[in-house]
């Protein structure tokens, strides 16, 4: 085989994986494919990130951002904490949504919640 090309040329400056793995004399393209597959397998093991996208009023997002900055915590952690409280309140019977429900114009849900004006 030809001269070994450092993998950093192929991977854009990352570590020369041939030195780290002890593999030598492997065609650079083959080595790059093997490493890409290994990266993909590691990523697949971790699985998809648990993620939820929701539409929120700007006032609520701004208040959440301010709170996260003031407490030096991630916004996602604050949302998770609020959701935990909401679910625990629902399970214990303390959550009453009846005063907030209005008919939704949707095939997916029967109601949506109407929030106080300062949070819309």
PDB file of N, CA and C in Angstrom:
ATOM      1  N   UNK A   1       0.833  -1.179   0.000  1.00  0.00           N
ATOM      2  CA  UNK A   1       0.000   0.000   0.000  1.00  0.00           C
ATOM      3  C   UNK A   1       0.875   1.238   0.000  1.00  0.00           C
ATOM      4  N   UNK A   2       0.244   2.360  -0.341  1.00  0.00           N
ATOM      5  CA  UNK A   2       0.966   3.621  -0.405  1.00  0.00           C
ATOM      6  C   UNK A   2       1.262   4.176   0.970  1.00  0.00           C
ATOM      7  N   UNK A   3       1.821   5.356   0.977  1.00  0.00           N
ATOM      8  CA  UNK A   3       2.158   6.021   2.236  1.00  0.00           C
ATOM      9  C   UNK A   3       0.888   6.309   3.028  1.00  0.00           C
ATOM     10  N   UNK A   4       1.012   6.175   4.330  1.00  0.00           N
ATOM     11  CA  UNK A   4      -0.131   6.417   5.203  1.00  0.00           C
ATOM     12  C   UNK A   4      -0.375   7.916   5.332  1.00  0.00           C
ATOM     13  N   UNK A   5      -1.610   8.341   5.094  1.00  0.00           N
ATOM     14  CA  UNK A   5      -1.990   9.743   5.235  1.00  0.00           C
ATOM     15  C   UNK A   5      -2.574   9.921   6.627  1.00  0.00           C
ATOM     16  N   UNK A   6      -2.060  10.878   7.401  1.00  0.00           N
ATOM     17  CA  UNK A   6      -2.631  11.079   8.739  1.00  0.00           C
ATOM     18  C   UNK A   6      -4.132  11.333   8.649  1.00  0.00           C
ATOM     19  N   UNK A   7      -4.860  10.707   9.538  1.00  0.00           N
ATOM     20  CA  UNK A   7      -6.316  10.809   9.537  1.00  0.00           C
ATOM     21  C   UNK A   7      -6.770  12.240   9.794  1.00  0.00           C
ATOM     22  N   UNK A   8      -5.924  13.062  10.435  1.00  0.00           N
ATOM     23  CA  UNK A   8      -6.333  14.439  10.727  1.00  0.00           C
ATOM     24  C   UNK A   8      -6.604  15.210   9.445  1.00  0.00           C
ATOM     25  N   UNK A   9      -5.938  14.838   8.329  1.00  0.00           N
ATOM     26  CA  UNK A   9      -6.216  15.502   7.059  1.00  0.00           C
ATOM     27  C   UNK A   9      -7.639  15.198   6.602  1.00  0.00           C
ATOM     28  N   UNK A  10      -8.076  13.983   6.849  1.00  0.00           N
ATOM     29  CA  UNK A  10      -9.409  13.557   6.431  1.00  0.00           C
ATOM     30  C   UNK A  10     -10.455  14.082   7.403  1.00  0.00           C
ATOM     31  N   UNK A  11     -10.139  14.070   8.682  1.00  0.00           N
ATOM     32  CA  UNK A  11     -11.128  14.419   9.704  1.00  0.00           C
ATOM     33  C   UNK A  11     -11.079  15.886  10.108  1.00  0.00           C
ATOM     34  N   UNK A  12     -10.344  16.691   9.379  1.00  0.00           N
ATOM     35  CA  UNK A  12     -10.357  18.124   9.656  1.00  0.00           C
ATOM     36  C   UNK A  12      -9.619  18.521  10.912  1.00  0.00           C
ATOM     37  N   UNK A  13      -8.490  17.868  11.218  1.00  0.00           N
ATOM     38  CA  UNK A  13      -7.674  18.280  12.346  1.00  0.00           C
ATOM     39  C   UNK A  13      -7.868  17.473  13.603  1.00  0.00           C
ATOM     40  N   UNK A  14      -8.770  16.506  13.583  1.00  0.00           N
ATOM     41  CA  UNK A  14      -8.945  15.684  14.775  1.00  0.00           C
ATOM     42  C   UNK A  14      -7.755  14.751  14.931  1.00  0.00           C
ATOM     43  N   UNK A  15      -7.705  14.049  16.037  1.00  0.00           N
ATOM     44  CA  UNK A  15      -6.594  13.163  16.368  1.00  0.00           C
ATOM     45  C   UNK A  15      -6.350  12.138  15.267  1.00  0.00           C
ATOM     46  N   UNK A  16      -5.075  11.810  15.020  1.00  0.00           N
ATOM     47  CA  UNK A  16      -4.717  10.752  14.078  1.00  0.00           C
ATOM     48  C   UNK A  16      -5.089   9.428  14.728  1.00  0.00           C
ATOM     49  N   UNK A  17      -6.223   8.878  14.345  1.00  0.00           N
ATOM     50  CA  UNK A  17      -6.751   7.690  15.001  1.00  0.00           C
ATOM     51  C   UNK A  17      -5.919   6.445  14.728  1.00  0.00           C
ATOM     52  N   UNK A  18      -5.103   6.461  13.671  1.00  0.00           N
ATOM     53  CA  UNK A  18      -4.265   5.294  13.409  1.00  0.00           C
ATOM     54  C   UNK A  18      -3.222   5.133  14.511  1.00  0.00           C
ATOM     55  N   UNK A  19      -2.710   6.239  15.041  1.00  0.00           N
ATOM     56  CA  UNK A  19      -1.757   6.146  16.147  1.00  0.00           C
ATOM     57  C   UNK A  19      -2.457   5.721  17.420  1.00  0.00           C
ATOM     58  N   UNK A  20      -3.637   6.248  17.676  1.00  0.00           N
ATOM     59  CA  UNK A  20      -4.362   5.919  18.897  1.00  0.00           C
ATOM     60  C   UNK A  20      -4.809   4.467  18.919  1.00  0.00           C
ATOM     61  N   UNK A  21      -5.162   3.913  17.757  1.00  0.00           N
ATOM     62  CA  UNK A  21      -5.679   2.547  17.715  1.00  0.00           C
ATOM     63  C   UNK A  21      -4.599   1.517  17.445  1.00  0.00           C
ATOM     64  N   UNK A  22      -3.426   1.949  17.022  1.00  0.00           N
ATOM     65  CA  UNK A  22      -2.366   1.005  16.704  1.00  0.00           C
ATOM     66  C   UNK A  22      -2.488   0.428  15.306  1.00  0.00           C
ATOM     67  N   UNK A  23      -3.455   0.868  14.536  1.00  0.00           N
ATOM     68  CA  UNK A  23      -3.640   0.381  13.172  1.00  0.00           C
ATOM     69  C   UNK A  23      -2.709   1.162  12.268  1.00  0.00           C
ATOM     70  N   UNK A  24      -2.000   0.432  11.392  1.00  0.00           N
ATOM     71  CA  UNK A  24      -1.153   1.118  10.430  1.00  0.00           C
ATOM     72  C   UNK A  24      -1.271   0.410   9.092  1.00  0.00           C
ATOM     73  N   UNK A  25      -0.967   1.115   8.026  1.00  0.00           N
ATOM     74  CA  UNK A  25      -0.995   0.533   6.701  1.00  0.00           C
ATOM     75  C   UNK A  25      -2.391   0.366   6.122  1.00  0.00           C
ATOM     76  N   UNK A  26      -3.391   0.927   6.766  1.00  0.00           N
ATOM     77  CA  UNK A  26      -4.759   0.837   6.257  1.00  0.00           C
ATOM     78  C   UNK A  26      -5.006   2.043   5.363  1.00  0.00           C
ATOM     79  N   UNK A  27      -5.634   1.794   4.229  1.00  0.00           N
ATOM     80  CA  UNK A  27      -5.952   2.872   3.309  1.00  0.00           C
ATOM     81  C   UNK A  27      -6.728   3.957   4.060  1.00  0.00           C
ATOM     82  N   UNK A  28      -6.354   5.208   3.885  1.00  0.00           N
ATOM     83  CA  UNK A  28      -7.005   6.290   4.629  1.00  0.00           C
ATOM     84  C   UNK A  28      -8.521   6.351   4.433  1.00  0.00           C
ATOM     85  N   UNK A  29      -8.986   6.077   3.231  1.00  0.00           N
ATOM     86  CA  UNK A  29     -10.434   6.112   2.994  1.00  0.00           C
ATOM     87  C   UNK A  29     -11.143   5.004   3.761  1.00  0.00           C
ATOM     88  N   UNK A  30     -10.538   3.821   3.791  1.00  0.00           N
ATOM     89  CA  UNK A  30     -11.115   2.700   4.535  1.00  0.00           C
ATOM     90  C   UNK A  30     -11.112   3.024   6.022  1.00  0.00           C
ATOM     91  N   UNK A  31     -10.004   3.568   6.502  1.00  0.00           N
ATOM     92  CA  UNK A  31      -9.891   3.928   7.909  1.00  0.00           C
ATOM     93  C   UNK A  31     -10.953   4.967   8.282  1.00  0.00           C
ATOM     94  N   UNK A  32     -11.159   5.950   7.408  1.00  0.00           N
ATOM     95  CA  UNK A  32     -12.163   6.981   7.672  1.00  0.00           C
ATOM     96  C   UNK A  32     -13.562   6.373   7.738  1.00  0.00           C
ATOM     97  N   UNK A  33     -13.847   5.419   6.862  1.00  0.00           N
ATOM     98  CA  UNK A  33     -15.156   4.760   6.879  1.00  0.00           C
ATOM     99  C   UNK A  33     -15.350   3.952   8.156  1.00  0.00           C
ATOM    100  N   UNK A  34     -14.301   3.248   8.580  1.00  0.00           N
ATOM    101  CA  UNK A  34     -14.377   2.451   9.812  1.00  0.00           C
ATOM    102  C   UNK A  34     -14.635   3.361  11.008  1.00  0.00           C
ATOM    103  N   UNK A  35     -13.894   4.466  11.073  1.00  0.00           N
ATOM    104  CA  UNK A  35     -14.063   5.389  12.192  1.00  0.00           C
ATOM    105  C   UNK A  35     -15.441   6.054  12.173  1.00  0.00           C
ATOM    106  N   UNK A  36     -15.938   6.397  10.983  1.00  0.00           N
ATOM    107  CA  UNK A  36     -17.271   7.001  10.887  1.00  0.00           C
ATOM    108  C   UNK A  36     -18.330   6.014  11.364  1.00  0.00           C
ATOM    109  N   UNK A  37     -18.171   4.758  11.008  1.00  0.00           N
ATOM    110  CA  UNK A  37     -19.127   3.737  11.454  1.00  0.00           C
ATOM    111  C   UNK A  37     -19.069   3.586  12.976  1.00  0.00           C
ATOM    112  N   UNK A  38     -17.863   3.589  13.536  1.00  0.00           N
ATOM    113  CA  UNK A  38     -17.712   3.461  14.989  1.00  0.00           C
ATOM    114  C   UNK A  38     -18.357   4.649  15.699  1.00  0.00           C
ATOM    115  N   UNK A  39     -18.175   5.857  15.151  1.00  0.00           N
ATOM    116  CA  UNK A  39     -18.817   7.035  15.744  1.00  0.00           C
ATOM    117  C   UNK A  39     -20.331   6.906  15.677  1.00  0.00           C
ATOM    118  N   UNK A  40     -20.838   6.431  14.554  1.00  0.00           N
ATOM    119  CA  UNK A  40     -22.277   6.245  14.401  1.00  0.00           C
ATOM    120  C   UNK A  40     -22.827   5.226  15.381  1.00  0.00           C
ATOM    121  N   UNK A  41     -22.068   4.149  15.613  1.00  0.00           N
ATOM    122  CA  UNK A  41     -22.510   3.126  16.560  1.00  0.00           C
ATOM    123  C   UNK A  41     -22.531   3.672  17.982  1.00  0.00           C
ATOM    124  N   UNK A  42     -21.520   4.471  18.341  1.00  0.00           N
ATOM    125  CA  UNK A  42     -21.509   5.071  19.679  1.00  0.00           C
ATOM    126  C   UNK A  42     -22.698   6.008  19.846  1.00  0.00           C
ATOM    127  N   UNK A  43     -22.987   6.785  18.807  1.00  0.00           N
ATOM    128  CA  UNK A  43     -24.111   7.716  18.867  1.00  0.00           C
ATOM    129  C   UNK A  43     -25.432   6.952  18.966  1.00  0.00           C
ATOM    130  N   UNK A  44     -25.570   5.858  18.228  1.00  0.00           N
ATOM    131  CA  UNK A  44     -26.799   5.063  18.259  1.00  0.00           C
ATOM    132  C   UNK A  44     -27.011   4.432  19.630  1.00  0.00           C
ATOM    133  N   UNK A  45     -25.926   4.046  20.296  1.00  0.00           N
ATOM    134  CA  UNK A  45     -26.040   3.467  21.641  1.00  0.00           C
ATOM    135  C   UNK A  45     -26.631   4.470  22.617  1.00  0.00           C
ATOM    136  N   UNK A  46     -26.221   5.723  22.467  1.00  0.00           N
ATOM    137  CA  UNK A  46     -26.737   6.768  23.359  1.00  0.00           C
ATOM    138  C   UNK A  46     -28.210   7.030  23.088  1.00  0.00           C
ATOM    139  N   UNK A  47     -28.647   6.784  21.874  1.00  0.00           N
ATOM    140  CA  UNK A  47     -30.046   6.981  21.521  1.00  0.00           C
ATOM    141  C   UNK A  47     -30.371   8.441  21.285  1.00  0.00           C
ATOM    142  N   UNK A  48     -31.586   8.688  20.836  1.00  0.00           N
ATOM    143  CA  UNK A  48     -31.973  10.077  20.580  1.00  0.00           C
ATOM    144  C   UNK A  48     -32.128  10.850  21.884  1.00  0.00           C
ATOM    145  N   UNK A  49     -31.842  12.143  21.801  1.00  0.00           N
ATOM    146  CA  UNK A  49     -32.030  12.995  22.976  1.00  0.00           C
ATOM    147  C   UNK A  49     -33.505  13.074  23.303  1.00  0.00           C
ATOM    148  N   UNK A  50     -33.857  12.947  24.577  1.00  0.00           N
ATOM    149  CA  UNK A  50     -35.261  13.150  24.929  1.00  0.00           C
ATOM    150  C   UNK A  50     -35.588  14.633  24.754  1.00  0.00           C
ATOM    151  N   UNK A  51     -36.550  14.917  23.906  1.00  0.00           N
ATOM    152  CA  UNK A  51     -36.769  16.300  23.529  1.00  0.00           C
ATOM    153  C   UNK A  51     -38.259  16.542  23.305  1.00  0.00           C
ATOM    154  N   UNK A  52     -38.711  17.724  23.670  1.00  0.00           N
ATOM    155  CA  UNK A  52     -40.102  18.128  23.471  1.00  0.00           C
ATOM    156  C   UNK A  52     -40.102  19.579  23.023  1.00  0.00           C
ATOM    157  N   UNK A  53     -40.833  19.867  21.972  1.00  0.00           N
ATOM    158  CA  UNK A  53     -40.932  21.235  21.484  1.00  0.00           C
ATOM    159  C   UNK A  53     -42.347  21.737  21.729  1.00  0.00           C
ATOM    160  N   UNK A  54     -42.458  22.881  22.362  1.00  0.00           N
ATOM    161  CA  UNK A  54     -43.769  23.464  22.656  1.00  0.00           C
ATOM    162  C   UNK A  54     -43.757  24.948  22.308  1.00  0.00           C
ATOM    163  N   UNK A  55     -44.928  25.465  21.991  1.00  0.00           N
ATOM    164  CA  UNK A  55     -45.081  26.903  21.750  1.00  0.00           C
ATOM    165  C   UNK A  55     -45.463  27.565  23.063  1.00  0.00           C
ATOM    166  N   UNK A  56     -44.697  28.568  23.453  1.00  0.00           N
ATOM    167  CA  UNK A  56     -44.962  29.290  24.697  1.00  0.00           C
ATOM    168  C   UNK A  56     -45.039  30.782  24.409  1.00  0.00           C
ATOM    169  N   UNK A  57     -45.822  31.510  25.190  1.00  0.00           N
ATOM    170  CA  UNK A  57     -45.870  32.971  25.031  1.00  0.00           C
ATOM    171  C   UNK A  57     -44.498  33.589  25.329  1.00  0.00           C
ATOM    172  N   UNK A  58     -44.192  34.675  24.629  1.00  0.00           N
ATOM    173  CA  UNK A  58     -42.903  35.352  24.836  1.00  0.00           C
ATOM    174  C   UNK A  58     -42.706  35.770  26.285  1.00  0.00           C
ATOM    175  N   UNK A  59     -43.771  36.208  26.934  1.00  0.00           N
ATOM    176  CA  UNK A  59     -43.645  36.658  28.326  1.00  0.00           C
ATOM    177  C   UNK A  59     -43.185  35.514  29.229  1.00  0.00           C
ATOM    178  N   UNK A  60     -43.659  34.319  28.964  1.00  0.00           N
ATOM    179  CA  UNK A  60     -43.262  33.164  29.763  1.00  0.00           C
ATOM    180  C   UNK A  60     -41.812  32.775  29.480  1.00  0.00           C
ATOM    181  N   UNK A  61     -41.423  32.814  28.219  1.00  0.00           N
ATOM    182  CA  UNK A  61     -40.036  32.504  27.852  1.00  0.00           C
ATOM    183  C   UNK A  61     -39.087  33.518  28.484  1.00  0.00           C
ATOM    184  N   UNK A  62     -39.455  34.795  28.430  1.00  0.00           N
ATOM    185  CA  UNK A  62     -38.612  35.844  29.024  1.00  0.00           C
ATOM    186  C   UNK A  62     -38.474  35.652  30.533  1.00  0.00           C
ATOM    187  N   UNK A  63     -39.591  35.344  31.200  1.00  0.00           N
ATOM    188  CA  UNK A  63     -39.552  35.130  32.653  1.00  0.00           C
ATOM    189  C   UNK A  63     -38.699  33.910  32.993  1.00  0.00           C
ATOM    190  N   UNK A  64     -38.808  32.866  32.193  1.00  0.00           N
ATOM    191  CA  UNK A  64     -38.006  31.659  32.402  1.00  0.00           C
ATOM    192  C   UNK A  64     -36.519  31.960  32.206  1.00  0.00           C
ATOM    193  N   UNK A  65     -36.201  32.723  31.179  1.00  0.00           N
ATOM    194  CA  UNK A  65     -34.810  33.100  30.913  1.00  0.00           C
ATOM    195  C   UNK A  65     -34.245  33.922  32.066  1.00  0.00           C
ATOM    196  N   UNK A  66     -35.020  34.884  32.560  1.00  0.00           N
ATOM    197  CA  UNK A  66     -34.580  35.714  33.692  1.00  0.00           C
ATOM    198  C   UNK A  66     -34.337  34.861  34.938  1.00  0.00           C
ATOM    199  N   UNK A  67     -35.252  33.940  35.203  1.00  0.00           N
ATOM    200  CA  UNK A  67     -35.114  33.069  36.370  1.00  0.00           C
ATOM    201  C   UNK A  67     -33.884  32.171  36.245  1.00  0.00           C
ATOM    202  N   UNK A  68     -33.671  31.623  35.063  1.00  0.00           N
ATOM    203  CA  UNK A  68     -32.507  30.754  34.844  1.00  0.00           C
ATOM    204  C   UNK A  68     -31.207  31.522  35.065  1.00  0.00           C
ATOM    205  N   UNK A  69     -31.156  32.757  34.572  1.00  0.00           N
ATOM    206  CA  UNK A  69     -29.956  33.582  34.782  1.00  0.00           C
ATOM    207  C   UNK A  69     -29.765  33.902  36.260  1.00  0.00           C
ATOM    208  N   UNK A  70     -30.843  34.284  36.920  1.00  0.00           N
ATOM    209  CA  UNK A  70     -30.758  34.667  38.336  1.00  0.00           C
ATOM    210  C   UNK A  70     -30.296  33.502  39.205  1.00  0.00           C
ATOM    211  N   UNK A  71     -30.741  32.309  38.882  1.00  0.00           N
ATOM    212  CA  UNK A  71     -30.390  31.130  39.682  1.00  0.00           C
ATOM    213  C   UNK A  71     -29.185  30.376  39.126  1.00  0.00           C
ATOM    214  N   UNK A  72     -28.691  30.799  37.963  1.00  0.00           N
ATOM    215  CA  UNK A  72     -27.545  30.167  37.306  1.00  0.00           C
ATOM    216  C   UNK A  72     -27.797  28.672  37.060  1.00  0.00           C
ATOM    217  N   UNK A  73     -28.970  28.385  36.504  1.00  0.00           N
ATOM    218  CA  UNK A  73     -29.328  27.004  36.149  1.00  0.00           C
ATOM    219  C   UNK A  73     -29.856  26.990  34.716  1.00  0.00           C
ATOM    220  N   UNK A  74     -29.921  25.809  34.143  1.00  0.00           N
ATOM    221  CA  UNK A  74     -30.410  25.654  32.774  1.00  0.00           C
ATOM    222  C   UNK A  74     -31.924  25.834  32.714  1.00  0.00           C
ATOM    223  N   UNK A  75     -32.388  26.465  31.633  1.00  0.00           N
ATOM    224  CA  UNK A  75     -33.831  26.639  31.443  1.00  0.00           C
ATOM    225  C   UNK A  75     -34.532  25.288  31.391  1.00  0.00           C
ATOM    226  N   UNK A  76     -33.915  24.315  30.751  1.00  0.00           N
ATOM    227  CA  UNK A  76     -34.517  22.988  30.659  1.00  0.00           C
ATOM    228  C   UNK A  76     -34.730  22.356  32.019  1.00  0.00           C
ATOM    229  N   UNK A  77     -33.801  22.604  32.948  1.00  0.00           N
ATOM    230  CA  UNK A  77     -33.955  22.070  34.305  1.00  0.00           C
ATOM    231  C   UNK A  77     -35.130  22.727  35.025  1.00  0.00           C
ATOM    232  N   UNK A  78     -35.294  24.030  34.823  1.00  0.00           N
ATOM    233  CA  UNK A  78     -36.434  24.718  35.439  1.00  0.00           C
ATOM    234  C   UNK A  78     -37.760  24.205  34.871  1.00  0.00           C
ATOM    235  N   UNK A  79     -37.794  23.990  33.567  1.00  0.00           N
ATOM    236  CA  UNK A  79     -39.011  23.461  32.941  1.00  0.00           C
ATOM    237  C   UNK A  79     -39.294  22.059  33.467  1.00  0.00           C
ATOM    238  N   UNK A  80     -38.253  21.224  33.572  1.00  0.00           N
ATOM    239  CA  UNK A  80     -38.445  19.867  34.102  1.00  0.00           C
ATOM    240  C   UNK A  80     -38.989  19.915  35.528  1.00  0.00           C
ATOM    241  N   UNK A  81     -38.445  20.802  36.354  1.00  0.00           N
ATOM    242  CA  UNK A  81     -38.924  20.944  37.733  1.00  0.00           C
ATOM    243  C   UNK A  81     -40.396  21.363  37.764  1.00  0.00           C
ATOM    244  N   UNK A  82     -40.755  22.325  36.927  1.00  0.00           N
ATOM    245  CA  UNK A  82     -42.151  22.781  36.871  1.00  0.00           C
ATOM    246  C   UNK A  82     -43.074  21.659  36.406  1.00  0.00           C
ATOM    247  N   UNK A  83     -42.625  20.866  35.441  1.00  0.00           N
ATOM    248  CA  UNK A  83     -43.446  19.753  34.953  1.00  0.00           C
ATOM    249  C   UNK A  83     -43.599  18.662  36.004  1.00  0.00           C
ATOM    250  N   UNK A  84     -42.537  18.410  36.755  1.00  0.00           N
ATOM    251  CA  UNK A  84     -42.626  17.434  37.852  1.00  0.00           C
ATOM    252  C   UNK A  84     -43.685  17.888  38.855  1.00  0.00           C
ATOM    253  N   UNK A  85     -43.636  19.162  39.239  1.00  0.00           N
ATOM    254  CA  UNK A  85     -44.643  19.702  40.170  1.00  0.00           C
ATOM    255  C   UNK A  85     -46.053  19.576  39.591  1.00  0.00           C
ATOM    256  N   UNK A  86     -46.209  19.891  38.312  1.00  0.00           N
ATOM    257  CA  UNK A  86     -47.512  19.808  37.658  1.00  0.00           C
ATOM    258  C   UNK A  86     -48.052  18.373  37.682  1.00  0.00           C
ATOM    259  N   UNK A  87     -47.213  17.418  37.330  1.00  0.00           N
ATOM    260  CA  UNK A  87     -47.638  16.014  37.299  1.00  0.00           C
ATOM    261  C   UNK A  87     -47.962  15.511  38.701  1.00  0.00           C
ATOM    262  N   UNK A  88     -47.140  15.886  39.679  1.00  0.00           N
ATOM    263  CA  UNK A  88     -47.424  15.468  41.060  1.00  0.00           C
ATOM    264  C   UNK A  88     -48.727  16.086  41.566  1.00  0.00           C
ATOM    265  N   UNK A  89     -48.985  17.353  41.215  1.00  0.00           N
ATOM    266  CA  UNK A  89     -50.254  17.986  41.595  1.00  0.00           C
ATOM    267  C   UNK A  89     -51.433  17.264  40.947  1.00  0.00           C
ATOM    268  N   UNK A  90     -51.288  16.877  39.695  1.00  0.00           N
ATOM    269  CA  UNK A  90     -52.365  16.157  39.000  1.00  0.00           C
ATOM    270  C   UNK A  90     -52.619  14.799  39.650  1.00  0.00           C
ATOM    271  N   UNK A  91     -51.555  14.077  39.931  1.00  0.00           N
ATOM    272  CA  UNK A  91     -51.696  12.743  40.536  1.00  0.00           C
ATOM    273  C   UNK A  91     -52.342  12.808  41.915  1.00  0.00           C
ATOM    274  N   UNK A  92     -52.079  13.872  42.653  1.00  0.00           N
ATOM    275  CA  UNK A  92     -52.620  13.984  44.012  1.00  0.00           C
ATOM    276  C   UNK A  92     -54.008  14.634  44.040  1.00  0.00           C
ATOM    277  N   UNK A  93     -54.497  15.069  42.873  1.00  0.00           N
ATOM    278  CA  UNK A  93     -55.815  15.691  42.812  1.00  0.00           C
ATOM    279  C   UNK A  93     -55.819  17.177  43.113  1.00  0.00           C
ATOM    280  N   UNK A  94     -54.642  17.789  43.276  1.00  0.00           N
ATOM    281  CA  UNK A  94     -54.561  19.225  43.584  1.00  0.00           C
ATOM    282  C   UNK A  94     -54.666  20.110  42.341  1.00  0.00           C
ATOM    283  N   UNK A  95     -54.597  19.534  41.163  1.00  0.00           N
ATOM    284  CA  UNK A  95     -54.616  20.321  39.929  1.00  0.00           C
ATOM    285  C   UNK A  95     -56.049  20.451  39.420  1.00  0.00           C
ATOM    286  N   UNK A  96     -56.515  21.679  39.281  1.00  0.00           N
ATOM    287  CA  UNK A  96     -57.863  21.934  38.780  1.00  0.00           C
ATOM    288  C   UNK A  96     -57.757  22.856  37.566  1.00  0.00           C
ATOM    289  N   UNK A  97     -58.009  22.312  36.392  1.00  0.00           N
ATOM    290  CA  UNK A  97     -57.896  23.082  35.158  1.00  0.00           C
ATOM    291  C   UNK A  97     -59.229  23.628  34.660  1.00  0.00           C
ATOM    292  N   UNK A  98     -60.310  23.280  35.319  1.00  0.00           N
ATOM    293  CA  UNK A  98     -61.646  23.623  34.813  1.00  0.00           C
ATOM    294  C   UNK A  98     -61.824  25.120  34.569  1.00  0.00           C
ATOM    295  N   UNK A  99     -61.300  25.967  35.402  1.00  0.00           N
ATOM    296  CA  UNK A  99     -61.452  27.411  35.219  1.00  0.00           C
ATOM    297  C   UNK A  99     -60.625  27.975  34.080  1.00  0.00           C
ATOM    298  N   UNK A 100     -59.682  27.195  33.568  1.00  0.00           N
ATOM    299  CA  UNK A 100     -58.802  27.662  32.495  1.00  0.00           C
ATOM    300  C   UNK A 100     -59.168  27.104  31.126  1.00  0.00           C
ATOM    301  N   UNK A 101     -60.003  26.061  31.089  1.00  0.00           N
ATOM    302  CA  UNK A 101     -60.300  25.372  29.827  1.00  0.00           C
ATOM    303  C   UNK A 101     -61.251  26.178  28.951  1.00  0.00           C
ATOM    304  N   UNK A 102     -60.883  26.269  27.667  1.00  0.00           N
ATOM    305  CA  UNK A 102     -61.781  26.821  26.652  1.00  0.00           C
ATOM    306  C   UNK A 102     -61.771  25.860  25.468  1.00  0.00           C
ATOM    307  N   UNK A 103     -62.868  25.825  24.731  1.00  0.00           N
ATOM    308  CA  UNK A 103     -62.972  24.921  23.586  1.00  0.00           C
ATOM    309  C   UNK A 103     -61.857  25.208  22.585  1.00  0.00           C
ATOM    310  N   UNK A 104     -61.238  24.143  22.096  1.00  0.00           N
ATOM    311  CA  UNK A 104     -60.177  24.271  21.097  1.00  0.00           C
ATOM    312  C   UNK A 104     -60.760  24.028  19.712  1.00  0.00           C
ATOM    313  N   UNK A 105     -60.224  24.689  18.742  1.00  0.00           N
ATOM    314  CA  UNK A 105     -60.612  24.454  17.345  1.00  0.00           C
ATOM    315  C   UNK A 105     -59.578  23.512  16.752  1.00  0.00           C
ATOM    316  N   UNK A 106     -59.590  22.281  17.243  1.00  0.00           N
ATOM    317  CA  UNK A 106     -58.562  21.313  16.876  1.00  0.00           C
ATOM    318  C   UNK A 106     -59.170  19.924  16.831  1.00  0.00           C
ATOM    319  N   UNK A 107     -58.637  19.091  15.952  1.00  0.00           N
ATOM    320  CA  UNK A 107     -59.059  17.690  15.895  1.00  0.00           C
ATOM    321  C   UNK A 107     -58.287  16.855  16.921  1.00  0.00           C
ATOM    322  N   UNK A 108     -57.179  17.372  17.410  1.00  0.00           N
ATOM    323  CA  UNK A 108     -56.332  16.605  18.328  1.00  0.00           C
ATOM    324  C   UNK A 108     -56.782  16.688  19.777  1.00  0.00           C
ATOM    325  N   UNK A 109     -57.241  17.857  20.195  1.00  0.00           N
ATOM    326  CA  UNK A 109     -57.631  18.045  21.598  1.00  0.00           C
ATOM    327  C   UNK A 109     -58.976  18.752  21.672  1.00  0.00           C
ATOM    328  N   UNK A 110     -59.694  18.542  22.758  1.00  0.00           N
ATOM    329  CA  UNK A 110     -60.986  19.179  22.935  1.00  0.00           C
ATOM    330  C   UNK A 110     -60.894  20.573  23.530  1.00  0.00           C
ATOM    331  N   UNK A 111     -59.848  20.795  24.323  1.00  0.00           N
ATOM    332  CA  UNK A 111     -59.710  22.073  25.028  1.00  0.00           C
ATOM    333  C   UNK A 111     -58.287  22.592  24.926  1.00  0.00           C
ATOM    334  N   UNK A 112     -58.169  23.875  25.133  1.00  0.00           N
ATOM    335  CA  UNK A 112     -56.869  24.496  25.372  1.00  0.00           C
ATOM    336  C   UNK A 112     -57.039  25.338  26.624  1.00  0.00           C
ATOM    337  N   UNK A 113     -55.931  25.791  27.172  1.00  0.00           N
ATOM    338  CA  UNK A 113     -56.004  26.567  28.413  1.00  0.00           C
ATOM    339  C   UNK A 113     -55.838  28.050  28.106  1.00  0.00           C
ATOM    340  N   UNK A 114     -56.652  28.865  28.751  1.00  0.00           N
ATOM    341  CA  UNK A 114     -56.534  30.315  28.600  1.00  0.00           C
ATOM    342  C   UNK A 114     -55.830  30.863  29.838  1.00  0.00           C
ATOM    343  N   UNK A 115     -54.705  31.520  29.596  1.00  0.00           N
ATOM    344  CA  UNK A 115     -53.879  32.023  30.689  1.00  0.00           C
ATOM    345  C   UNK A 115     -54.219  33.476  31.001  1.00  0.00           C
ATOM    346  N   UNK A 116     -53.851  33.940  32.186  1.00  0.00           N
ATOM    347  CA  UNK A 116     -54.065  35.351  32.530  1.00  0.00           C
ATOM    348  C   UNK A 116     -53.370  36.257  31.502  1.00  0.00           C
ATOM    349  N   UNK A 117     -53.901  37.456  31.274  1.00  0.00           N
ATOM    350  CA  UNK A 117     -53.363  38.349  30.235  1.00  0.00           C
ATOM    351  C   UNK A 117     -51.855  38.599  30.337  1.00  0.00           C
ATOM    352  N   UNK A 118     -51.327  38.695  31.546  1.00  0.00           N
ATOM    353  CA  UNK A 118     -49.885  38.985  31.681  1.00  0.00           C
ATOM    354  C   UNK A 118     -48.996  37.837  31.205  1.00  0.00           C
ATOM    355  N   UNK A 119     -49.550  36.659  30.994  1.00  0.00           N
ATOM    356  CA  UNK A 119     -48.768  35.500  30.547  1.00  0.00           C
ATOM    357  C   UNK A 119     -49.094  35.080  29.118  1.00  0.00           C
ATOM    358  N   UNK A 120     -49.895  35.862  28.411  1.00  0.00           N
ATOM    359  CA  UNK A 120     -50.249  35.517  27.022  1.00  0.00           C
ATOM    360  C   UNK A 120     -49.224  36.032  26.059  1.00  0.00           C
TER     361      UNK A 120
END
